[in-house]
Every structure is written in structure tokens, then in C-alpha cells.
Amino acid sequence: MASLYVDRRGVEMRLDGGAIVFYEKAERVGTVPIAPIERVFLRGDVLLHASVLGRLGEHGIGVIVLSGRRADPTLMLPRAHNDAERRVSQYRLSQDAGFCLEFARQLVGAKLAGSEMLLEELREKNRRAWYAIGKVKEQLGQLAKHIHMQPGLAALRGLEGRAAASYFSALAAYMPDSLGFTGRNRRPPRDPLNALLSLGYTMLHSETVVELHGAGLDPQIGFYHGLHFGRASLASDLIEPLRPLVDRFSIGLFSEGHLRRESFSITEQGCLLGKAGRVAYYQLYEAAAEDFRRRIRESIADLLGLMKEKTGKIDVVARDLSDEEF
């Protein structure tokens, strides 16, 4: 088991040796051993004892609480990596304009390449949208050629914004009209695909924060995304190239029939995935997330290597970040 999902009202979680025991109305209803768990997702009215949190922290297990109608995340992080020199180097490099621009160009280039790859896949599946998707794919290719010509982060963000607008117009051409997707919208999302994109990006961002914390980096200090109150900017940096993976996964949930428009409630407050839909979503997300997590760890390892190259002060071992050192 990689993740534990708890999305049930009135559940109480207690510690019993090396296991979490679940109670409903004072009756024991289930037990899950802690050892295989890597992360915990909580949603709904769940009672969690402090002893459980403490044990999860001892095992390096992060807790992600998805609260409210929009599933806004609150993170309870495990013990951090002991090497504070990594964070010192990170802070120094965050003030190096040249490093930030170089790193940001790599991120945007990887994101556009992933977007082009997904659009090519979608174009092969939907002949009706062949021309519209092909035109956008060509636009992304042209924009990618200009990434290294951008003189600063502001200009690069402008290029990325133009690419995103074109990209989502291609997704709108691909998706069935019944889902009402006309482009990216959020806070709140107003259609089923946007609801899934927002949820998927939230999950990916939260997992990245936990991994960064465990790797000894400060999730709040980014290189492409600047300082912003309450934002984990480095996590926002690292998920940019991974967003097309979430897009592919979200689109597939509809095209493969796992979710339908009826799985969502649409009101003036936005579009929300219903309880039955969430159960299906979390199961399918967990299967897809193995690839997401591997890529997050690879991205962090690449960043640590780049930081070592620039500073010469960070001890990086070329290995999977899932090892005990991290």
C-alpha cells in the first residue's frame, strides 16, 4: 500500500501498536498496518488522535487533509531531512537571477514538450478535432523555439500563458460537448473536466510538497514561481512539467467510462465530484500516481544535482529518493 485514503464521515482513527484502527460509533470497523503506508489523505469529518499523528511522523508519513467543498489541502509534514545546508544553498540560488531563469526555461520547455505529446495522442483518437488540435500543436512547437530567447521570468511567464491558452483550446475541441468544457477555469471549477484538473493538480502539488520536505528543501522558496504568501512555490515549479500527466489521466477517466457528467453536481457554487465519484477517483488516482511520484522524485533528484553543480556544497547520491537517507 502506498497511500491511505479516508473519506468517510464519523470515522475515528486510533493507534494500536503498529497499526491504525478505525472506529465508527465506538465500534471497531477496520485495521490498517502503518508499515506499508507512505502518505495519508483525509477528507470529511474524521477524528484523528495525536498518537496517530506522532507515529505517522516517526515513520516519515505525510498527512494531506482535503477540507471544504473545494478540497483545499492542509499538510501535516513528517520530520524533515537533517541536512540544513541544502536549504541554505536553495535560498542563495533563489536570489541568483541567472540560475532562476535557466531553471525556469527547462521547466517550461519540458511542459510544452509534454503538452505537445498529449495533443498528438488525442489527435489520433479524435479525427473530428484533427485540424484544431494539429494547429495548436504547431503553435506550441513555435513557442517552444522561443523559450531560450526570453530575457527574464516575466517574459517567460507570458510565453507560457499564451501556450496554455492555446493548449486548453485544443482540449476543448477534443472533449465532448456534453461536458461543457470550453477552457480552463477554477476557483471554483465550472464543469466536470475542470473539477478533475483542479483536484488532480491539488493532489500532485501536495505530494510534491511532502517529497520536497523529506528531501531537505523548502517547498515555499521557488525559482520560477516567486515568493507569495501561503504558496509552496518550489512545489509549483516542479509540477509544471507534470501537469500534462494529470490532464491525460483526467481525460481518460471520461473516455474510458469511469466517470460521467452524472458523477458531478453542478451548481452556482461550482462543479463538484460526488461521493461515489470520489471513491472511484481515488482508486484510479492511486494506480496512476506511481508514475507521478516517480517523476516527482526524479525531478527533485535533478534539482539537487543542478544545485550541487552550481554551489558544490550539496551531497547528492544518484539514487531513488525513496531510500531511507531521504
C-alpha atoms as a PDB file:
ATOM      1  CA  MET A   1       0.000   0.000   0.000  1.00  0.00           C
ATOM      2  CA  ALA A   2       1.386   3.424  -0.922  1.00  0.00           C
ATOM      3  CA  SER A   3      -1.452   5.670   0.242  1.00  0.00           C
ATOM      4  CA  LEU A   4      -4.281   5.531   2.729  1.00  0.00           C
ATOM      5  CA  TYR A   5      -7.460   7.418   1.759  1.00  0.00           C
ATOM      6  CA  VAL A   6     -10.085   8.155   4.405  1.00  0.00           C
ATOM      7  CA  ASP A   7     -13.204   9.842   3.023  1.00  0.00           C
ATOM      8  CA  ARG A   8     -15.972   8.905   5.409  1.00  0.00           C
ATOM      9  CA  ARG A   9     -17.927  10.906   7.964  1.00  0.00           C
ATOM     10  CA  GLY A  10     -17.792   9.998  11.632  1.00  0.00           C
ATOM     11  CA  VAL A  11     -14.674   7.837  11.441  1.00  0.00           C
ATOM     12  CA  GLU A  12     -12.257   7.803  14.393  1.00  0.00           C
ATOM     13  CA  MET A  13      -8.615   6.766  13.907  1.00  0.00           C
ATOM     14  CA  ARG A  14      -6.704   5.336  16.892  1.00  0.00           C
ATOM     15  CA  LEU A  15      -3.245   3.870  17.306  1.00  0.00           C
ATOM     16  CA  ASP A  16      -2.866   0.223  18.286  1.00  0.00           C
ATOM     17  CA  GLY A  17       0.789  -0.832  18.258  1.00  0.00           C
ATOM     18  CA  GLY A  18       1.965  -0.697  14.664  1.00  0.00           C
ATOM     19  CA  ALA A  19      -1.494  -0.245  13.171  1.00  0.00           C
ATOM     20  CA  ILE A  20      -4.249   2.317  12.741  1.00  0.00           C
ATOM     21  CA  VAL A  21      -7.620   1.145  13.967  1.00  0.00           C
ATOM     22  CA  PHE A  22     -10.847   2.643  12.637  1.00  0.00           C
ATOM     23  CA  TYR A  23     -13.957   3.110  14.753  1.00  0.00           C
ATOM     24  CA  GLU A  24     -17.492   4.158  13.879  1.00  0.00           C
ATOM     25  CA  LYS A  25     -19.923   4.867  16.707  1.00  0.00           C
ATOM     26  CA  ALA A  26     -17.429   3.348  19.156  1.00  0.00           C
ATOM     27  CA  GLU A  27     -17.374   0.087  17.165  1.00  0.00           C
ATOM     28  CA  ARG A  28     -14.143  -1.195  15.658  1.00  0.00           C
ATOM     29  CA  VAL A  29     -14.629  -1.487  11.898  1.00  0.00           C
ATOM     30  CA  GLY A  30     -11.154  -1.940  10.432  1.00  0.00           C
ATOM     31  CA  THR A  31      -7.377  -2.036  10.890  1.00  0.00           C
ATOM     32  CA  VAL A  32      -4.540  -0.909   8.621  1.00  0.00           C
ATOM     33  CA  PRO A  33      -0.849  -1.572   9.399  1.00  0.00           C
ATOM     34  CA  ILE A  34       1.316   1.563   9.344  1.00  0.00           C
ATOM     35  CA  ALA A  35       4.440  -0.005   7.842  1.00  0.00           C
ATOM     36  CA  PRO A  36       3.325  -0.065   4.165  1.00  0.00           C
ATOM     37  CA  ILE A  37       1.804   3.458   4.236  1.00  0.00           C
ATOM     38  CA  GLU A  38       3.695   6.281   2.514  1.00  0.00           C
ATOM     39  CA  ARG A  39       1.085   9.059   2.760  1.00  0.00           C
ATOM     40  CA  VAL A  40      -2.399   9.613   4.187  1.00  0.00           C
ATOM     41  CA  PHE A  41      -5.243  11.565   2.563  1.00  0.00           C
ATOM     42  CA  LEU A  42      -8.127  12.650   4.792  1.00  0.00           C
ATOM     43  CA  ARG A  43     -11.430  14.143   3.739  1.00  0.00           C
ATOM     44  CA  GLY A  44     -14.631  14.650   5.657  1.00  0.00           C
ATOM     45  CA  ASP A  45     -15.396  14.603   9.364  1.00  0.00           C
ATOM     46  CA  VAL A  46     -12.565  12.391  10.631  1.00  0.00           C
ATOM     47  CA  LEU A  47     -11.336  12.225  14.243  1.00  0.00           C
ATOM     48  CA  LEU A  48      -7.576  11.660  14.413  1.00  0.00           C
ATOM     49  CA  HIS A  49      -5.755  11.040  17.710  1.00  0.00           C
ATOM     50  CA  ALA A  50      -2.461  12.834  18.370  1.00  0.00           C
ATOM     51  CA  SER A  51      -0.761   9.480  18.937  1.00  0.00           C
ATOM     52  CA  VAL A  52      -1.590   8.515  15.362  1.00  0.00           C
ATOM     53  CA  LEU A  53      -0.103  11.750  14.015  1.00  0.00           C
ATOM     54  CA  GLY A  54       3.019  11.239  16.088  1.00  0.00           C
ATOM     55  CA  ARG A  55       3.541   7.700  14.839  1.00  0.00           C
ATOM     56  CA  LEU A  56       2.973   8.740  11.235  1.00  0.00           C
ATOM     57  CA  GLY A  57       5.573  11.475  11.671  1.00  0.00           C
ATOM     58  CA  GLU A  58       8.065   8.985  13.119  1.00  0.00           C
ATOM     59  CA  HIS A  59       7.663   6.862  10.005  1.00  0.00           C
ATOM     60  CA  GLY A  60       8.107   9.836   7.659  1.00  0.00           C
ATOM     61  CA  ILE A  61       4.477   9.691   6.519  1.00  0.00           C
ATOM     62  CA  GLY A  62       2.866  12.965   5.445  1.00  0.00           C
ATOM     63  CA  VAL A  63      -0.811  13.665   6.081  1.00  0.00           C
ATOM     64  CA  ILE A  64      -2.797  15.611   3.472  1.00  0.00           C
ATOM     65  CA  VAL A  65      -6.156  16.942   4.645  1.00  0.00           C
ATOM     66  CA  LEU A  66      -8.578  17.879   1.844  1.00  0.00           C
ATOM     67  CA  SER A  67     -11.107  20.161   3.500  1.00  0.00           C
ATOM     68  CA  GLY A  68     -14.174  22.071   2.394  1.00  0.00           C
ATOM     69  CA  ARG A  69     -16.167  21.839  -0.792  1.00  0.00           C
ATOM     70  CA  ARG A  70     -13.125  22.696  -2.881  1.00  0.00           C
ATOM     71  CA  ALA A  71     -10.884  20.149  -1.141  1.00  0.00           C
ATOM     72  CA  ASP A  72      -8.339  22.775  -0.160  1.00  0.00           C
ATOM     73  CA  PRO A  73      -5.254  20.948   1.164  1.00  0.00           C
ATOM     74  CA  THR A  74      -3.703  21.288   4.595  1.00  0.00           C
ATOM     75  CA  LEU A  75      -0.447  19.385   5.066  1.00  0.00           C
ATOM     76  CA  MET A  76       0.968  17.814   8.206  1.00  0.00           C
ATOM     77  CA  LEU A  77       4.561  17.045   7.343  1.00  0.00           C
ATOM     78  CA  PRO A  78       6.852  14.343   8.763  1.00  0.00           C
ATOM     79  CA  ARG A  79      10.301  15.026  10.119  1.00  0.00           C
ATOM     80  CA  ALA A  80      12.467  16.972   7.695  1.00  0.00           C
ATOM     81  CA  HIS A  81      15.785  15.914   6.210  1.00  0.00           C
ATOM     82  CA  ASN A  82      18.661  16.693   8.586  1.00  0.00           C
ATOM     83  CA  ASP A  83      20.936  18.484   6.099  1.00  0.00           C
ATOM     84  CA  ALA A  84      20.107  22.186   6.513  1.00  0.00           C
ATOM     85  CA  GLU A  85      22.911  23.082   4.065  1.00  0.00           C
ATOM     86  CA  ARG A  86      20.559  22.132   1.260  1.00  0.00           C
ATOM     87  CA  ARG A  87      18.074  24.775   2.299  1.00  0.00           C
ATOM     88  CA  VAL A  88      20.831  27.382   2.707  1.00  0.00           C
ATOM     89  CA  SER A  89      22.009  26.674  -0.852  1.00  0.00           C
ATOM     90  CA  GLN A  90      18.425  26.826  -2.078  1.00  0.00           C
ATOM     91  CA  TYR A  91      17.917  30.264  -0.520  1.00  0.00           C
ATOM     92  CA  ARG A  92      21.120  31.571  -2.087  1.00  0.00           C
ATOM     93  CA  LEU A  93      20.234  30.266  -5.546  1.00  0.00           C
ATOM     94  CA  SER A  94      16.729  31.712  -5.304  1.00  0.00           C
ATOM     95  CA  GLN A  95      18.430  35.135  -5.336  1.00  0.00           C
ATOM     96  CA  ASP A  96      20.515  34.258  -8.413  1.00  0.00           C
ATOM     97  CA  ALA A  97      18.580  35.638 -11.405  1.00  0.00           C
ATOM     98  CA  GLY A  98      20.636  33.672 -13.907  1.00  0.00           C
ATOM     99  CA  PHE A  99      20.058  30.356 -12.166  1.00  0.00           C
ATOM    100  CA  CYS A 100      16.334  31.032 -11.787  1.00  0.00           C
ATOM    101  CA  LEU A 101      15.937  31.850 -15.478  1.00  0.00           C
ATOM    102  CA  GLU A 102      17.936  28.812 -16.583  1.00  0.00           C
ATOM    103  CA  PHE A 103      15.887  26.531 -14.353  1.00  0.00           C
ATOM    104  CA  ALA A 104      12.580  28.106 -15.414  1.00  0.00           C
ATOM    105  CA  ARG A 105      13.409  27.707 -19.104  1.00  0.00           C
ATOM    106  CA  GLN A 106      13.951  23.992 -18.540  1.00  0.00           C
ATOM    107  CA  LEU A 107      10.607  23.696 -16.758  1.00  0.00           C
ATOM    108  CA  VAL A 108       8.634  25.484 -19.452  1.00  0.00           C
ATOM    109  CA  GLY A 109      10.387  23.560 -22.208  1.00  0.00           C
ATOM    110  CA  ALA A 110       9.534  20.244 -20.569  1.00  0.00           C
ATOM    111  CA  LYS A 111       5.928  21.336 -20.006  1.00  0.00           C
ATOM    112  CA  LEU A 112       5.432  22.332 -23.646  1.00  0.00           C
ATOM    113  CA  ALA A 113       7.027  19.084 -24.830  1.00  0.00           C
ATOM    114  CA  GLY A 114       4.655  17.079 -22.629  1.00  0.00           C
ATOM    115  CA  SER A 115       1.691  19.111 -23.845  1.00  0.00           C
ATOM    116  CA  GLU A 116       2.622  18.501 -27.489  1.00  0.00           C
ATOM    117  CA  MET A 117       2.937  14.769 -26.816  1.00  0.00           C
ATOM    118  CA  LEU A 118      -0.523  14.595 -25.240  1.00  0.00           C
ATOM    119  CA  LEU A 119      -2.090  16.584 -28.074  1.00  0.00           C
ATOM    120  CA  GLU A 120      -0.599  14.186 -30.617  1.00  0.00           C
ATOM    121  CA  GLU A 121      -2.167  11.275 -28.743  1.00  0.00           C
ATOM    122  CA  LEU A 122      -5.553  12.998 -28.621  1.00  0.00           C
ATOM    123  CA  ARG A 123      -5.449  13.940 -32.275  1.00  0.00           C
ATOM    124  CA  GLU A 124      -5.053  10.276 -33.198  1.00  0.00           C
ATOM    125  CA  LYS A 125      -8.112   9.406 -31.107  1.00  0.00           C
ATOM    126  CA  ASN A 126     -10.472  12.105 -32.383  1.00  0.00           C
ATOM    127  CA  ARG A 127     -10.499  12.685 -36.108  1.00  0.00           C
ATOM    128  CA  ARG A 128     -13.201  15.330 -35.712  1.00  0.00           C
ATOM    129  CA  ALA A 129     -10.742  17.547 -33.863  1.00  0.00           C
ATOM    130  CA  TRP A 130      -7.740  16.620 -36.032  1.00  0.00           C
ATOM    131  CA  TYR A 131      -7.280  20.051 -37.589  1.00  0.00           C
ATOM    132  CA  ALA A 132      -7.897  22.108 -34.422  1.00  0.00           C
ATOM    133  CA  ILE A 133      -5.523  20.017 -32.314  1.00  0.00           C
ATOM    134  CA  GLY A 134      -2.890  19.926 -35.038  1.00  0.00           C
ATOM    135  CA  LYS A 135      -2.954  23.702 -35.347  1.00  0.00           C
ATOM    136  CA  VAL A 136      -2.430  24.159 -31.612  1.00  0.00           C
ATOM    137  CA  LYS A 137       0.334  21.560 -31.569  1.00  0.00           C
ATOM    138  CA  GLU A 138       2.125  23.559 -34.264  1.00  0.00           C
ATOM    139  CA  GLN A 139       1.684  26.746 -32.220  1.00  0.00           C
ATOM    140  CA  LEU A 140       3.226  25.090 -29.173  1.00  0.00           C
ATOM    141  CA  GLY A 141       6.171  23.945 -31.261  1.00  0.00           C
ATOM    142  CA  GLN A 142       6.781  27.500 -32.448  1.00  0.00           C
ATOM    143  CA  LEU A 143       6.535  28.900 -28.928  1.00  0.00           C
ATOM    144  CA  ALA A 144       8.981  26.271 -27.668  1.00  0.00           C
ATOM    145  CA  LYS A 145      11.593  27.577 -30.086  1.00  0.00           C
ATOM    146  CA  HIS A 146      11.422  30.980 -28.399  1.00  0.00           C
ATOM    147  CA  ILE A 147      11.829  29.804 -24.797  1.00  0.00           C
ATOM    148  CA  HIS A 148      15.552  30.475 -24.669  1.00  0.00           C
ATOM    149  CA  MET A 149      15.073  33.888 -26.232  1.00  0.00           C
ATOM    150  CA  GLN A 150      13.039  35.161 -23.283  1.00  0.00           C
ATOM    151  CA  PRO A 151      15.152  37.698 -21.367  1.00  0.00           C
ATOM    152  CA  GLY A 152      13.551  37.217 -17.957  1.00  0.00           C
ATOM    153  CA  LEU A 153      10.977  35.374 -15.897  1.00  0.00           C
ATOM    154  CA  ALA A 154       8.155  37.816 -16.680  1.00  0.00           C
ATOM    155  CA  ALA A 155       8.598  37.330 -20.420  1.00  0.00           C
ATOM    156  CA  LEU A 156       8.810  33.567 -19.949  1.00  0.00           C
ATOM    157  CA  ARG A 157       5.569  33.553 -17.966  1.00  0.00           C
ATOM    158  CA  GLY A 158       3.907  35.479 -20.771  1.00  0.00           C
ATOM    159  CA  LEU A 159       5.029  32.853 -23.287  1.00  0.00           C
ATOM    160  CA  GLU A 160       3.799  30.067 -21.032  1.00  0.00           C
ATOM    161  CA  GLY A 161       0.439  31.812 -20.628  1.00  0.00           C
ATOM    162  CA  ARG A 162      -0.014  32.027 -24.410  1.00  0.00           C
ATOM    163  CA  ALA A 163       0.873  28.360 -24.736  1.00  0.00           C
ATOM    164  CA  ALA A 164      -1.600  27.372 -22.015  1.00  0.00           C
ATOM    165  CA  ALA A 165      -4.462  29.292 -23.638  1.00  0.00           C
ATOM    166  CA  SER A 166      -3.833  27.538 -26.959  1.00  0.00           C
ATOM    167  CA  TYR A 167      -3.393  24.161 -25.311  1.00  0.00           C
ATOM    168  CA  PHE A 168      -6.702  24.269 -23.448  1.00  0.00           C
ATOM    169  CA  SER A 169      -8.496  25.380 -26.601  1.00  0.00           C
ATOM    170  CA  ALA A 170      -7.288  22.121 -28.165  1.00  0.00           C
ATOM    171  CA  LEU A 171      -8.601  20.137 -25.199  1.00  0.00           C
ATOM    172  CA  ALA A 172     -11.942  21.918 -25.642  1.00  0.00           C
ATOM    173  CA  ALA A 173     -12.028  20.767 -29.261  1.00  0.00           C
ATOM    174  CA  TYR A 174     -11.349  17.199 -28.159  1.00  0.00           C
ATOM    175  CA  MET A 175     -13.790  16.871 -25.262  1.00  0.00           C
ATOM    176  CA  PRO A 176     -17.468  16.033 -25.923  1.00  0.00           C
ATOM    177  CA  ASP A 177     -19.850  18.995 -25.833  1.00  0.00           C
ATOM    178  CA  SER A 178     -21.903  17.287 -23.108  1.00  0.00           C
ATOM    179  CA  LEU A 179     -19.175  18.008 -20.540  1.00  0.00           C
ATOM    180  CA  GLY A 180     -19.315  21.738 -21.196  1.00  0.00           C
ATOM    181  CA  PHE A 181     -15.537  22.232 -21.270  1.00  0.00           C
ATOM    182  CA  THR A 182     -14.594  25.427 -23.109  1.00  0.00           C
ATOM    183  CA  GLY A 183     -11.243  26.140 -21.477  1.00  0.00           C
ATOM    184  CA  ARG A 184      -9.507  26.247 -18.128  1.00  0.00           C
ATOM    185  CA  ASN A 185     -11.427  27.770 -15.229  1.00  0.00           C
ATOM    186  CA  ARG A 186     -11.077  27.340 -11.462  1.00  0.00           C
ATOM    187  CA  ARG A 187     -11.973  28.717  -8.031  1.00  0.00           C
ATOM    188  CA  PRO A 188     -14.453  27.253  -8.473  1.00  0.00           C
ATOM    189  CA  PRO A 189     -14.265  24.937 -11.497  1.00  0.00           C
ATOM    190  CA  ARG A 190     -17.465  25.154 -13.513  1.00  0.00           C
ATOM    191  CA  ASP A 191     -17.502  21.856 -15.420  1.00  0.00           C
ATOM    192  CA  PRO A 192     -16.518  18.216 -14.794  1.00  0.00           C
ATOM    193  CA  LEU A 193     -13.142  18.244 -16.545  1.00  0.00           C
ATOM    194  CA  ASN A 194     -12.046  21.420 -14.777  1.00  0.00           C
ATOM    195  CA  ALA A 195     -13.137  19.883 -11.476  1.00  0.00           C
ATOM    196  CA  LEU A 196     -10.880  16.891 -12.125  1.00  0.00           C
ATOM    197  CA  LEU A 197      -7.973  19.042 -13.292  1.00  0.00           C
ATOM    198  CA  SER A 198      -8.179  21.150 -10.141  1.00  0.00           C
ATOM    199  CA  LEU A 199      -8.344  18.064  -7.928  1.00  0.00           C
ATOM    200  CA  GLY A 200      -5.517  16.343  -9.768  1.00  0.00           C
ATOM    201  CA  TYR A 201      -3.234  19.385  -9.648  1.00  0.00           C
ATOM    202  CA  THR A 202      -4.001  19.780  -5.931  1.00  0.00           C
ATOM    203  CA  MET A 203      -3.091  16.165  -5.215  1.00  0.00           C
ATOM    204  CA  LEU A 204       0.098  16.409  -7.276  1.00  0.00           C
ATOM    205  CA  HIS A 205       1.134  19.674  -5.631  1.00  0.00           C
ATOM    206  CA  SER A 206       0.534  18.287  -2.134  1.00  0.00           C
ATOM    207  CA  GLU A 207       2.564  15.168  -2.827  1.00  0.00           C
ATOM    208  CA  THR A 208       5.388  17.313  -4.173  1.00  0.00           C
ATOM    209  CA  VAL A 209       5.408  19.431  -1.003  1.00  0.00           C
ATOM    210  CA  VAL A 210       5.764  16.285   1.119  1.00  0.00           C
ATOM    211  CA  GLU A 211       8.603  14.948  -1.053  1.00  0.00           C
ATOM    212  CA  LEU A 212      10.450  18.272  -1.026  1.00  0.00           C
ATOM    213  CA  HIS A 213      10.181  18.499   2.746  1.00  0.00           C
ATOM    214  CA  GLY A 214      11.588  14.992   3.102  1.00  0.00           C
ATOM    215  CA  ALA A 215      14.440  15.806   0.712  1.00  0.00           C
ATOM    216  CA  GLY A 216      15.568  18.744   2.842  1.00  0.00           C
ATOM    217  CA  LEU A 217      14.333  21.529   0.561  1.00  0.00           C
ATOM    218  CA  ASP A 218      11.979  24.371   1.442  1.00  0.00           C
ATOM    219  CA  PRO A 219       8.761  23.963  -0.573  1.00  0.00           C
ATOM    220  CA  GLN A 220       7.993  27.700  -0.171  1.00  0.00           C
ATOM    221  CA  ILE A 221      11.120  29.009  -1.946  1.00  0.00           C
ATOM    222  CA  GLY A 222      10.852  28.598  -5.702  1.00  0.00           C
ATOM    223  CA  PHE A 223      12.959  29.650  -8.656  1.00  0.00           C
ATOM    224  CA  TYR A 224      10.287  30.191 -11.339  1.00  0.00           C
ATOM    225  CA  HIS A 225       7.312  30.975  -9.114  1.00  0.00           C
ATOM    226  CA  GLY A 226       8.289  33.857  -6.875  1.00  0.00           C
ATOM    227  CA  LEU A 227       7.615  34.358  -3.205  1.00  0.00           C
ATOM    228  CA  HIS A 228       3.909  34.552  -2.466  1.00  0.00           C
ATOM    229  CA  PHE A 229       2.206  34.388   0.909  1.00  0.00           C
ATOM    230  CA  GLY A 230       0.881  30.897   1.570  1.00  0.00           C
ATOM    231  CA  ARG A 231       2.192  29.363  -1.670  1.00  0.00           C
ATOM    232  CA  ALA A 232       4.610  26.446  -1.863  1.00  0.00           C
ATOM    233  CA  SER A 233       6.411  27.982  -4.832  1.00  0.00           C
ATOM    234  CA  LEU A 234       9.047  25.291  -5.363  1.00  0.00           C
ATOM    235  CA  ALA A 235       6.327  22.641  -5.497  1.00  0.00           C
ATOM    236  CA  SER A 236       4.518  24.845  -8.040  1.00  0.00           C
ATOM    237  CA  ASP A 237       7.737  24.937 -10.062  1.00  0.00           C
ATOM    238  CA  LEU A 238       8.217  21.192 -10.142  1.00  0.00           C
ATOM    239  CA  ILE A 239       4.673  20.237 -11.071  1.00  0.00           C
ATOM    240  CA  GLU A 240       4.616  22.415 -14.203  1.00  0.00           C
ATOM    241  CA  PRO A 241       6.134  19.732 -16.493  1.00  0.00           C
ATOM    242  CA  LEU A 242       3.903  17.105 -14.846  1.00  0.00           C
ATOM    243  CA  ARG A 243       0.595  18.817 -15.500  1.00  0.00           C
ATOM    244  CA  PRO A 244       0.074  17.058 -18.864  1.00  0.00           C
ATOM    245  CA  LEU A 245       0.221  13.751 -16.975  1.00  0.00           C
ATOM    246  CA  VAL A 246      -2.718  14.864 -14.827  1.00  0.00           C
ATOM    247  CA  ASP A 247      -4.511  16.096 -17.943  1.00  0.00           C
ATOM    248  CA  ARG A 248      -4.091  12.724 -19.669  1.00  0.00           C
ATOM    249  CA  PHE A 249      -5.306  10.896 -16.568  1.00  0.00           C
ATOM    250  CA  SER A 250      -8.328  13.186 -16.124  1.00  0.00           C
ATOM    251  CA  ILE A 251      -9.403  12.954 -19.760  1.00  0.00           C
ATOM    252  CA  GLY A 252      -9.026   9.189 -19.634  1.00  0.00           C
ATOM    253  CA  LEU A 253     -11.476   8.903 -16.746  1.00  0.00           C
ATOM    254  CA  PHE A 254     -14.189  10.173 -19.079  1.00  0.00           C
ATOM    255  CA  SER A 255     -13.117   8.482 -22.313  1.00  0.00           C
ATOM    256  CA  GLU A 256     -12.781   5.114 -20.553  1.00  0.00           C
ATOM    257  CA  GLY A 257     -16.182   5.466 -18.882  1.00  0.00           C
ATOM    258  CA  HIS A 258     -15.030   5.564 -15.249  1.00  0.00           C
ATOM    259  CA  LEU A 259     -16.761   8.916 -14.679  1.00  0.00           C
ATOM    260  CA  ARG A 260     -19.671  10.643 -16.398  1.00  0.00           C
ATOM    261  CA  ARG A 261     -21.334  14.007 -16.132  1.00  0.00           C
ATOM    262  CA  GLU A 262     -23.769  12.426 -13.675  1.00  0.00           C
ATOM    263  CA  SER A 263     -20.839  11.785 -11.313  1.00  0.00           C
ATOM    264  CA  PHE A 264     -20.744  15.520 -10.590  1.00  0.00           C
ATOM    265  CA  SER A 265     -23.046  18.107  -9.075  1.00  0.00           C
ATOM    266  CA  ILE A 266     -23.074  21.476 -10.837  1.00  0.00           C
ATOM    267  CA  THR A 267     -24.444  24.497  -9.001  1.00  0.00           C
ATOM    268  CA  GLU A 268     -23.804  28.217  -8.821  1.00  0.00           C
ATOM    269  CA  GLN A 269     -21.028  27.386  -6.331  1.00  0.00           C
ATOM    270  CA  GLY A 270     -19.211  25.337  -8.956  1.00  0.00           C
ATOM    271  CA  CYS A 271     -18.821  21.752 -10.114  1.00  0.00           C
ATOM    272  CA  LEU A 272     -18.042  19.079  -7.532  1.00  0.00           C
ATOM    273  CA  LEU A 273     -17.284  15.386  -7.782  1.00  0.00           C
ATOM    274  CA  GLY A 274     -19.830  13.358  -5.811  1.00  0.00           C
ATOM    275  CA  LYS A 275     -19.055  10.784  -3.116  1.00  0.00           C
ATOM    276  CA  ALA A 276     -19.321   7.739  -5.392  1.00  0.00           C
ATOM    277  CA  GLY A 277     -17.195   9.519  -7.975  1.00  0.00           C
ATOM    278  CA  ARG A 278     -14.546  10.317  -5.353  1.00  0.00           C
ATOM    279  CA  VAL A 279     -14.306   6.667  -4.336  1.00  0.00           C
ATOM    280  CA  ALA A 280     -13.672   5.693  -7.956  1.00  0.00           C
ATOM    281  CA  TYR A 281     -11.323   8.623  -8.477  1.00  0.00           C
ATOM    282  CA  TYR A 282      -9.036   7.855  -5.527  1.00  0.00           C
ATOM    283  CA  GLN A 283      -8.685   4.213  -6.536  1.00  0.00           C
ATOM    284  CA  LEU A 284      -7.743   5.137 -10.095  1.00  0.00           C
ATOM    285  CA  TYR A 285      -5.538   8.024  -8.982  1.00  0.00           C
ATOM    286  CA  GLU A 286      -3.511   5.717  -6.753  1.00  0.00           C
ATOM    287  CA  ALA A 287      -2.729   3.455  -9.706  1.00  0.00           C
ATOM    288  CA  ALA A 288      -1.680   6.390 -11.904  1.00  0.00           C
ATOM    289  CA  ALA A 289       0.157   8.148  -9.077  1.00  0.00           C
ATOM    290  CA  GLU A 290       3.002   5.640  -9.038  1.00  0.00           C
ATOM    291  CA  ASP A 291       4.264   7.236 -12.235  1.00  0.00           C
ATOM    292  CA  PHE A 292       3.548  10.736 -10.901  1.00  0.00           C
ATOM    293  CA  ARG A 293       5.554  10.065  -7.734  1.00  0.00           C
ATOM    294  CA  ARG A 294       8.453   8.541  -9.607  1.00  0.00           C
ATOM    295  CA  ARG A 295       8.669  11.634 -11.758  1.00  0.00           C
ATOM    296  CA  ILE A 296       8.427  13.940  -8.738  1.00  0.00           C
ATOM    297  CA  ARG A 297      11.366  12.136  -7.147  1.00  0.00           C
ATOM    298  CA  GLU A 298      13.340  12.272 -10.374  1.00  0.00           C
ATOM    299  CA  SER A 299      12.658  15.998 -10.637  1.00  0.00           C
ATOM    300  CA  ILE A 300      13.882  16.578  -7.091  1.00  0.00           C
ATOM    301  CA  ALA A 301      16.999  14.493  -7.732  1.00  0.00           C
ATOM    302  CA  ASP A 302      17.686  16.509 -10.902  1.00  0.00           C
ATOM    303  CA  LEU A 303      17.233  19.755  -8.971  1.00  0.00           C
ATOM    304  CA  LEU A 304      19.599  18.634  -6.220  1.00  0.00           C
ATOM    305  CA  GLY A 305      22.148  17.705  -8.872  1.00  0.00           C
ATOM    306  CA  LEU A 306      21.806  21.099 -10.521  1.00  0.00           C
ATOM    307  CA  MET A 307      22.150  22.828  -7.165  1.00  0.00           C
ATOM    308  CA  LYS A 308      25.282  20.808  -6.409  1.00  0.00           C
ATOM    309  CA  GLU A 309      26.719  21.769  -9.766  1.00  0.00           C
ATOM    310  CA  LYS A 310      26.085  25.444  -9.046  1.00  0.00           C
ATOM    311  CA  THR A 311      27.184  25.522  -5.430  1.00  0.00           C
ATOM    312  CA  GLY A 312      29.430  22.499  -4.952  1.00  0.00           C
ATOM    313  CA  LYS A 313      28.092  22.156  -1.396  1.00  0.00           C
ATOM    314  CA  ILE A 314      25.294  19.625  -1.630  1.00  0.00           C
ATOM    315  CA  ASP A 315      25.978  15.955  -1.130  1.00  0.00           C
ATOM    316  CA  VAL A 316      23.782  14.207  -3.667  1.00  0.00           C
ATOM    317  CA  VAL A 317      23.707  10.464  -4.161  1.00  0.00           C
ATOM    318  CA  ALA A 318      22.403   9.301  -7.541  1.00  0.00           C
ATOM    319  CA  ARG A 319      19.627   7.058  -6.407  1.00  0.00           C
ATOM    320  CA  ASP A 320      15.902   6.738  -5.931  1.00  0.00           C
ATOM    321  CA  LEU A 321      14.707   9.283  -3.377  1.00  0.00           C
ATOM    322  CA  SER A 322      12.546   6.649  -1.771  1.00  0.00           C
ATOM    323  CA  ASP A 323      15.630   5.273   0.050  1.00  0.00           C
ATOM    324  CA  GLU A 324      15.972   5.845   3.770  1.00  0.00           C
ATOM    325  CA  GLU A 325      18.523   8.674   3.509  1.00  0.00           C
ATOM    326  CA  PHE A 326      15.735  10.950   2.421  1.00  0.00           C
END
